[in-house]
Amino acid sequence: MPTFSRFLRYFMAVGKLGSIRKASETLNVSASAIDRQILRVEAELVNPLFERLPGGLRLTAAGELMM
């Protein structure tokens, strides 16, 4: 599967569920793999897509535009 397609699946799942752990369980992929993909794209864009909160993740304005 192309890297961009993988990232989009992960991004959409985390955006909808608000949690890397929940996305991991839903997609049957390790949480660390999902986190790495999101962090890599955020670094490339030089802009965070999610706010990391104690209760989970929330889309930033940039993340909402991408969603």
PDB file of N, CA and C in Angstrom:
ATOM      1  N   MET A   1       0.850  -1.174   0.000  1.00  0.00           N
ATOM      2  CA  MET A   1       0.000   0.000   0.000  1.00  0.00           C
ATOM      3  C   MET A   1       0.900   1.243   0.000  1.00  0.00           C
ATOM      4  N   PRO A   2       0.610   2.203  -0.875  1.00  0.00           N
ATOM      5  CA  PRO A   2       1.419   3.426  -0.898  1.00  0.00           C
ATOM      6  C   PRO A   2       1.369   4.153   0.444  1.00  0.00           C
ATOM      7  N   THR A   3       2.464   4.807   0.780  1.00  0.00           N
ATOM      8  CA  THR A   3       2.583   5.487   2.069  1.00  0.00           C
ATOM      9  C   THR A   3       1.494   6.522   2.268  1.00  0.00           C
ATOM     10  N   PHE A   4       1.167   7.296   1.238  1.00  0.00           N
ATOM     11  CA  PHE A   4       0.162   8.341   1.391  1.00  0.00           C
ATOM     12  C   PHE A   4      -1.209   7.741   1.705  1.00  0.00           C
ATOM     13  N   SER A   5      -1.563   6.627   1.053  1.00  0.00           N
ATOM     14  CA  SER A   5      -2.840   5.959   1.320  1.00  0.00           C
ATOM     15  C   SER A   5      -2.883   5.468   2.759  1.00  0.00           C
ATOM     16  N   ARG A   6      -1.770   4.913   3.233  1.00  0.00           N
ATOM     17  CA  ARG A   6      -1.697   4.423   4.600  1.00  0.00           C
ATOM     18  C   ARG A   6      -1.892   5.584   5.573  1.00  0.00           C
ATOM     19  N   PHE A   7      -1.188   6.688   5.320  1.00  0.00           N
ATOM     20  CA  PHE A   7      -1.332   7.852   6.189  1.00  0.00           C
ATOM     21  C   PHE A   7      -2.777   8.329   6.219  1.00  0.00           C
ATOM     22  N   LEU A   8      -3.424   8.414   5.078  1.00  0.00           N
ATOM     23  CA  LEU A   8      -4.804   8.904   5.039  1.00  0.00           C
ATOM     24  C   LEU A   8      -5.750   8.002   5.830  1.00  0.00           C
ATOM     25  N   ARG A   9      -5.579   6.692   5.715  1.00  0.00           N
ATOM     26  CA  ARG A   9      -6.404   5.769   6.511  1.00  0.00           C
ATOM     27  C   ARG A   9      -6.200   6.037   7.990  1.00  0.00           C
ATOM     28  N   TYR A  10      -4.951   6.165   8.412  1.00  0.00           N
ATOM     29  CA  TYR A  10      -4.634   6.399   9.816  1.00  0.00           C
ATOM     30  C   TYR A  10      -5.162   7.759  10.268  1.00  0.00           C
ATOM     31  N   PHE A  11      -4.916   8.778   9.463  1.00  0.00           N
ATOM     32  CA  PHE A  11      -5.337  10.137   9.799  1.00  0.00           C
ATOM     33  C   PHE A  11      -6.851  10.223   9.965  1.00  0.00           C
ATOM     34  N   MET A  12      -7.586   9.652   9.033  1.00  0.00           N
ATOM     35  CA  MET A  12      -9.045   9.696   9.083  1.00  0.00           C
ATOM     36  C   MET A  12      -9.570   8.960  10.319  1.00  0.00           C
ATOM     37  N   ALA A  13      -8.988   7.817  10.623  1.00  0.00           N
ATOM     38  CA  ALA A  13      -9.433   7.045  11.787  1.00  0.00           C
ATOM     39  C   ALA A  13      -9.167   7.808  13.078  1.00  0.00           C
ATOM     40  N   VAL A  14      -7.971   8.372  13.215  1.00  0.00           N
ATOM     41  CA  VAL A  14      -7.644   9.129  14.428  1.00  0.00           C
ATOM     42  C   VAL A  14      -8.511  10.375  14.514  1.00  0.00           C
ATOM     43  N   GLY A  15      -8.738  11.049  13.403  1.00  0.00           N
ATOM     44  CA  GLY A  15      -9.577  12.242  13.397  1.00  0.00           C
ATOM     45  C   GLY A  15     -11.009  11.952  13.820  1.00  0.00           C
ATOM     46  N   LYS A  16     -11.550  10.833  13.357  1.00  0.00           N
ATOM     47  CA  LYS A  16     -12.927  10.469  13.702  1.00  0.00           C
ATOM     48  C   LYS A  16     -13.042   9.966  15.128  1.00  0.00           C
ATOM     49  N   LEU A  17     -12.071   9.165  15.552  1.00  0.00           N
ATOM     50  CA  LEU A  17     -12.146   8.523  16.867  1.00  0.00           C
ATOM     51  C   LEU A  17     -11.521   9.354  17.985  1.00  0.00           C
ATOM     52  N   GLY A  18     -10.634  10.286  17.622  1.00  0.00           N
ATOM     53  CA  GLY A  18     -10.010  11.141  18.623  1.00  0.00           C
ATOM     54  C   GLY A  18      -8.969  10.458  19.475  1.00  0.00           C
ATOM     55  N   SER A  19      -8.473   9.303  19.017  1.00  0.00           N
ATOM     56  CA  SER A  19      -7.519   8.542  19.812  1.00  0.00           C
ATOM     57  C   SER A  19      -6.690   7.635  18.907  1.00  0.00           C
ATOM     58  N   ILE A  20      -5.384   7.642  19.121  1.00  0.00           N
ATOM     59  CA  ILE A  20      -4.519   6.731  18.370  1.00  0.00           C
ATOM     60  C   ILE A  20      -4.792   5.294  18.802  1.00  0.00           C
ATOM     61  N   ARG A  21      -5.013   5.084  20.090  1.00  0.00           N
ATOM     62  CA  ARG A  21      -5.270   3.733  20.599  1.00  0.00           C
ATOM     63  C   ARG A  21      -6.545   3.153  19.981  1.00  0.00           C
ATOM     64  N   LYS A  22      -7.613   3.943  19.930  1.00  0.00           N
ATOM     65  CA  LYS A  22      -8.874   3.467  19.343  1.00  0.00           C
ATOM     66  C   LYS A  22      -8.706   3.206  17.849  1.00  0.00           C
ATOM     67  N   ALA A  23      -7.984   4.086  17.165  1.00  0.00           N
ATOM     68  CA  ALA A  23      -7.721   3.879  15.734  1.00  0.00           C
ATOM     69  C   ALA A  23      -6.907   2.610  15.530  1.00  0.00           C
ATOM     70  N   SER A  24      -5.953   2.379  16.411  1.00  0.00           N
ATOM     71  CA  SER A  24      -5.122   1.188  16.347  1.00  0.00           C
ATOM     72  C   SER A  24      -5.964  -0.076  16.456  1.00  0.00           C
ATOM     73  N   GLU A  25      -6.888  -0.085  17.399  1.00  0.00           N
ATOM     74  CA  GLU A  25      -7.763  -1.246  17.577  1.00  0.00           C
ATOM     75  C   GLU A  25      -8.696  -1.429  16.382  1.00  0.00           C
ATOM     76  N   THR A  26      -9.219  -0.332  15.861  1.00  0.00           N
ATOM     77  CA  THR A  26     -10.142  -0.395  14.723  1.00  0.00           C
ATOM     78  C   THR A  26      -9.439  -0.882  13.456  1.00  0.00           C
ATOM     79  N   LEU A  27      -8.226  -0.362  13.211  1.00  0.00           N
ATOM     80  CA  LEU A  27      -7.498  -0.691  11.981  1.00  0.00           C
ATOM     81  C   LEU A  27      -6.638  -1.944  12.111  1.00  0.00           C
ATOM     82  N   ASN A  28      -6.506  -2.448  13.341  1.00  0.00           N
ATOM     83  CA  ASN A  28      -5.650  -3.602  13.611  1.00  0.00           C
ATOM     84  C   ASN A  28      -4.203  -3.331  13.197  1.00  0.00           C
ATOM     85  N   VAL A  29      -3.720  -2.148  13.603  1.00  0.00           N
ATOM     86  CA  VAL A  29      -2.359  -1.702  13.328  1.00  0.00           C
ATOM     87  C   VAL A  29      -1.805  -1.195  14.649  1.00  0.00           C
ATOM     88  N   SER A  30      -0.500  -1.331  14.853  1.00  0.00           N
ATOM     89  CA  SER A  30       0.064  -0.886  16.128  1.00  0.00           C
ATOM     90  C   SER A  30      -0.078   0.631  16.282  1.00  0.00           C
ATOM     91  N   ALA A  31      -0.297   1.058  17.508  1.00  0.00           N
ATOM     92  CA  ALA A  31      -0.441   2.485  17.806  1.00  0.00           C
ATOM     93  C   ALA A  31       0.832   3.239  17.440  1.00  0.00           C
ATOM     94  N   SER A  32       1.983   2.617  17.657  1.00  0.00           N
ATOM     95  CA  SER A  32       3.243   3.300  17.341  1.00  0.00           C
ATOM     96  C   SER A  32       3.392   3.537  15.836  1.00  0.00           C
ATOM     97  N   ALA A  33       2.891   2.622  15.013  1.00  0.00           N
ATOM     98  CA  ALA A  33       2.959   2.811  13.557  1.00  0.00           C
ATOM     99  C   ALA A  33       2.091   3.987  13.137  1.00  0.00           C
ATOM    100  N   ILE A  34       0.913   4.092  13.728  1.00  0.00           N
ATOM    101  CA  ILE A  34       0.023   5.203  13.415  1.00  0.00           C
ATOM    102  C   ILE A  34       0.650   6.516  13.864  1.00  0.00           C
ATOM    103  N   ASP A  35       1.171   6.536  15.074  1.00  0.00           N
ATOM    104  CA  ASP A  35       1.797   7.750  15.610  1.00  0.00           C
ATOM    105  C   ASP A  35       2.981   8.186  14.755  1.00  0.00           C
ATOM    106  N   ARG A  36       3.812   7.235  14.338  1.00  0.00           N
ATOM    107  CA  ARG A  36       4.977   7.571  13.497  1.00  0.00           C
ATOM    108  C   ARG A  36       4.550   8.212  12.187  1.00  0.00           C
ATOM    109  N   GLN A  37       3.521   7.647  11.538  1.00  0.00           N
ATOM    110  CA  GLN A  37       3.048   8.202  10.262  1.00  0.00           C
ATOM    111  C   GLN A  37       2.539   9.631  10.439  1.00  0.00           C
ATOM    112  N   ILE A  38       1.770   9.851  11.492  1.00  0.00           N
ATOM    113  CA  ILE A  38       1.218  11.192  11.729  1.00  0.00           C
ATOM    114  C   ILE A  38       2.331  12.172  12.048  1.00  0.00           C
ATOM    115  N   LEU A  39       3.265  11.789  12.905  1.00  0.00           N
ATOM    116  CA  LEU A  39       4.378  12.681  13.250  1.00  0.00           C
ATOM    117  C   LEU A  39       5.241  12.997  12.028  1.00  0.00           C
ATOM    118  N   ARG A  40       5.439  12.006  11.150  1.00  0.00           N
ATOM    119  CA  ARG A  40       6.254  12.223   9.950  1.00  0.00           C
ATOM    120  C   ARG A  40       5.606  13.261   9.038  1.00  0.00           C
ATOM    121  N   VAL A  41       4.311  13.142   8.825  1.00  0.00           N
ATOM    122  CA  VAL A  41       3.621  14.089   7.945  1.00  0.00           C
ATOM    123  C   VAL A  41       3.558  15.468   8.593  1.00  0.00           C
ATOM    124  N   GLU A  42       3.323  15.527   9.890  1.00  0.00           N
ATOM    125  CA  GLU A  42       3.325  16.819  10.588  1.00  0.00           C
ATOM    126  C   GLU A  42       4.688  17.496  10.443  1.00  0.00           C
ATOM    127  N   ALA A  43       5.767  16.732  10.522  1.00  0.00           N
ATOM    128  CA  ALA A  43       7.110  17.295  10.363  1.00  0.00           C
ATOM    129  C   ALA A  43       7.316  17.803   8.936  1.00  0.00           C
ATOM    130  N   GLU A  44       6.827  17.066   7.956  1.00  0.00           N
ATOM    131  CA  GLU A  44       6.960  17.492   6.561  1.00  0.00           C
ATOM    132  C   GLU A  44       6.154  18.759   6.288  1.00  0.00           C
ATOM    133  N   LEU A  45       4.980  18.844   6.878  1.00  0.00           N
ATOM    134  CA  LEU A  45       4.125  20.016   6.681  1.00  0.00           C
ATOM    135  C   LEU A  45       4.550  21.191   7.557  1.00  0.00           C
ATOM    136  N   VAL A  46       5.384  20.928   8.546  1.00  0.00           N
ATOM    137  CA  VAL A  46       5.806  21.910   9.545  1.00  0.00           C
ATOM    138  C   VAL A  46       4.579  22.552  10.196  1.00  0.00           C
ATOM    139  N   ASN A  47       3.599  21.706  10.474  1.00  0.00           N
ATOM    140  CA  ASN A  47       2.355  22.174  11.070  1.00  0.00           C
ATOM    141  C   ASN A  47       1.668  20.994  11.746  1.00  0.00           C
ATOM    142  N   PRO A  48       1.278  21.142  13.003  1.00  0.00           N
ATOM    143  CA  PRO A  48       0.588  20.027  13.661  1.00  0.00           C
ATOM    144  C   PRO A  48      -0.822  19.837  13.101  1.00  0.00           C
ATOM    145  N   LEU A  49      -1.223  18.586  12.969  1.00  0.00           N
ATOM    146  CA  LEU A  49      -2.568  18.262  12.505  1.00  0.00           C
ATOM    147  C   LEU A  49      -3.500  17.956  13.673  1.00  0.00           C
ATOM    148  N   PHE A  50      -2.899  17.606  14.816  1.00  0.00           N
ATOM    149  CA  PHE A  50      -3.665  17.269  16.007  1.00  0.00           C
ATOM    150  C   PHE A  50      -3.121  18.009  17.211  1.00  0.00           C
ATOM    151  N   GLU A  51      -4.014  18.366  18.121  1.00  0.00           N
ATOM    152  CA  GLU A  51      -3.624  18.838  19.443  1.00  0.00           C
ATOM    153  C   GLU A  51      -3.583  17.601  20.320  1.00  0.00           C
ATOM    154  N   ARG A  52      -2.475  17.397  21.001  1.00  0.00           N
ATOM    155  CA  ARG A  52      -2.364  16.260  21.913  1.00  0.00           C
ATOM    156  C   ARG A  52      -2.850  16.698  23.286  1.00  0.00           C
ATOM    157  N   LEU A  53      -3.959  16.119  23.721  1.00  0.00           N
ATOM    158  CA  LEU A  53      -4.591  16.461  24.985  1.00  0.00           C
ATOM    159  C   LEU A  53      -4.559  15.253  25.916  1.00  0.00           C
ATOM    160  N   PRO A  54      -4.714  15.466  27.225  1.00  0.00           N
ATOM    161  CA  PRO A  54      -4.713  14.329  28.152  1.00  0.00           C
ATOM    162  C   PRO A  54      -5.794  13.285  27.829  1.00  0.00           C
ATOM    163  N   GLY A  55      -6.910  13.718  27.270  1.00  0.00           N
ATOM    164  CA  GLY A  55      -8.006  12.796  26.967  1.00  0.00           C
ATOM    165  C   GLY A  55      -8.021  12.284  25.546  1.00  0.00           C
ATOM    166  N   GLY A  56      -7.021  12.594  24.748  1.00  0.00           N
ATOM    167  CA  GLY A  56      -6.978  12.128  23.366  1.00  0.00           C
ATOM    168  C   GLY A  56      -6.448  13.203  22.437  1.00  0.00           C
ATOM    169  N   LEU A  57      -6.795  13.090  21.180  1.00  0.00           N
ATOM    170  CA  LEU A  57      -6.324  14.033  20.172  1.00  0.00           C
ATOM    171  C   LEU A  57      -7.504  14.790  19.586  1.00  0.00           C
ATOM    172  N   ARG A  58      -7.252  16.051  19.242  1.00  0.00           N
ATOM    173  CA  ARG A  58      -8.267  16.893  18.610  1.00  0.00           C
ATOM    174  C   ARG A  58      -7.625  17.534  17.377  1.00  0.00           C
ATOM    175  N   LEU A  59      -8.365  17.600  16.298  1.00  0.00           N
ATOM    176  CA  LEU A  59      -7.852  18.214  15.068  1.00  0.00           C
ATOM    177  C   LEU A  59      -7.565  19.691  15.273  1.00  0.00           C
ATOM    178  N   THR A  60      -6.453  20.145  14.727  1.00  0.00           N
ATOM    179  CA  THR A  60      -6.164  21.579  14.678  1.00  0.00           C
ATOM    180  C   THR A  60      -6.894  22.128  13.453  1.00  0.00           C
ATOM    181  N   ALA A  61      -6.783  23.427  13.231  1.00  0.00           N
ATOM    182  CA  ALA A  61      -7.397  24.039  12.037  1.00  0.00           C
ATOM    183  C   ALA A  61      -6.826  23.403  10.777  1.00  0.00           C
ATOM    184  N   ALA A  62      -5.516  23.173  10.755  1.00  0.00           N
ATOM    185  CA  ALA A  62      -4.879  22.530   9.594  1.00  0.00           C
ATOM    186  C   ALA A  62      -5.398  21.104   9.418  1.00  0.00           C
ATOM    187  N   GLY A  63      -5.572  20.402  10.525  1.00  0.00           N
ATOM    188  CA  GLY A  63      -6.103  19.047  10.477  1.00  0.00           C
ATOM    189  C   GLY A  63      -7.531  19.005   9.965  1.00  0.00           C
ATOM    190  N   GLU A  64      -8.333  20.001  10.391  1.00  0.00           N
ATOM    191  CA  GLU A  64      -9.713  20.057   9.906  1.00  0.00           C
ATOM    192  C   GLU A  64      -9.760  20.312   8.413  1.00  0.00           C
ATOM    193  N   LEU A  65      -8.867  21.157   7.919  1.00  0.00           N
ATOM    194  CA  LEU A  65      -8.811  21.405   6.473  1.00  0.00           C
ATOM    195  C   LEU A  65      -8.436  20.135   5.719  1.00  0.00           C
ATOM    196  N   MET A  66      -7.487  19.384   6.263  1.00  0.00           N
ATOM    197  CA  MET A  66      -7.071  18.151   5.602  1.00  0.00           C
ATOM    198  C   MET A  66      -8.174  17.102   5.645  1.00  0.00           C
ATOM    199  N   MET A  67      -8.907  17.076   6.745  1.00  0.00           N
ATOM    200  CA  MET A  67      -9.978  16.088   6.901  1.00  0.00           C
ATOM    201  C   MET A  67     -11.045  16.349   5.836  1.00  0.00           C
TER     202      MET A  67
END
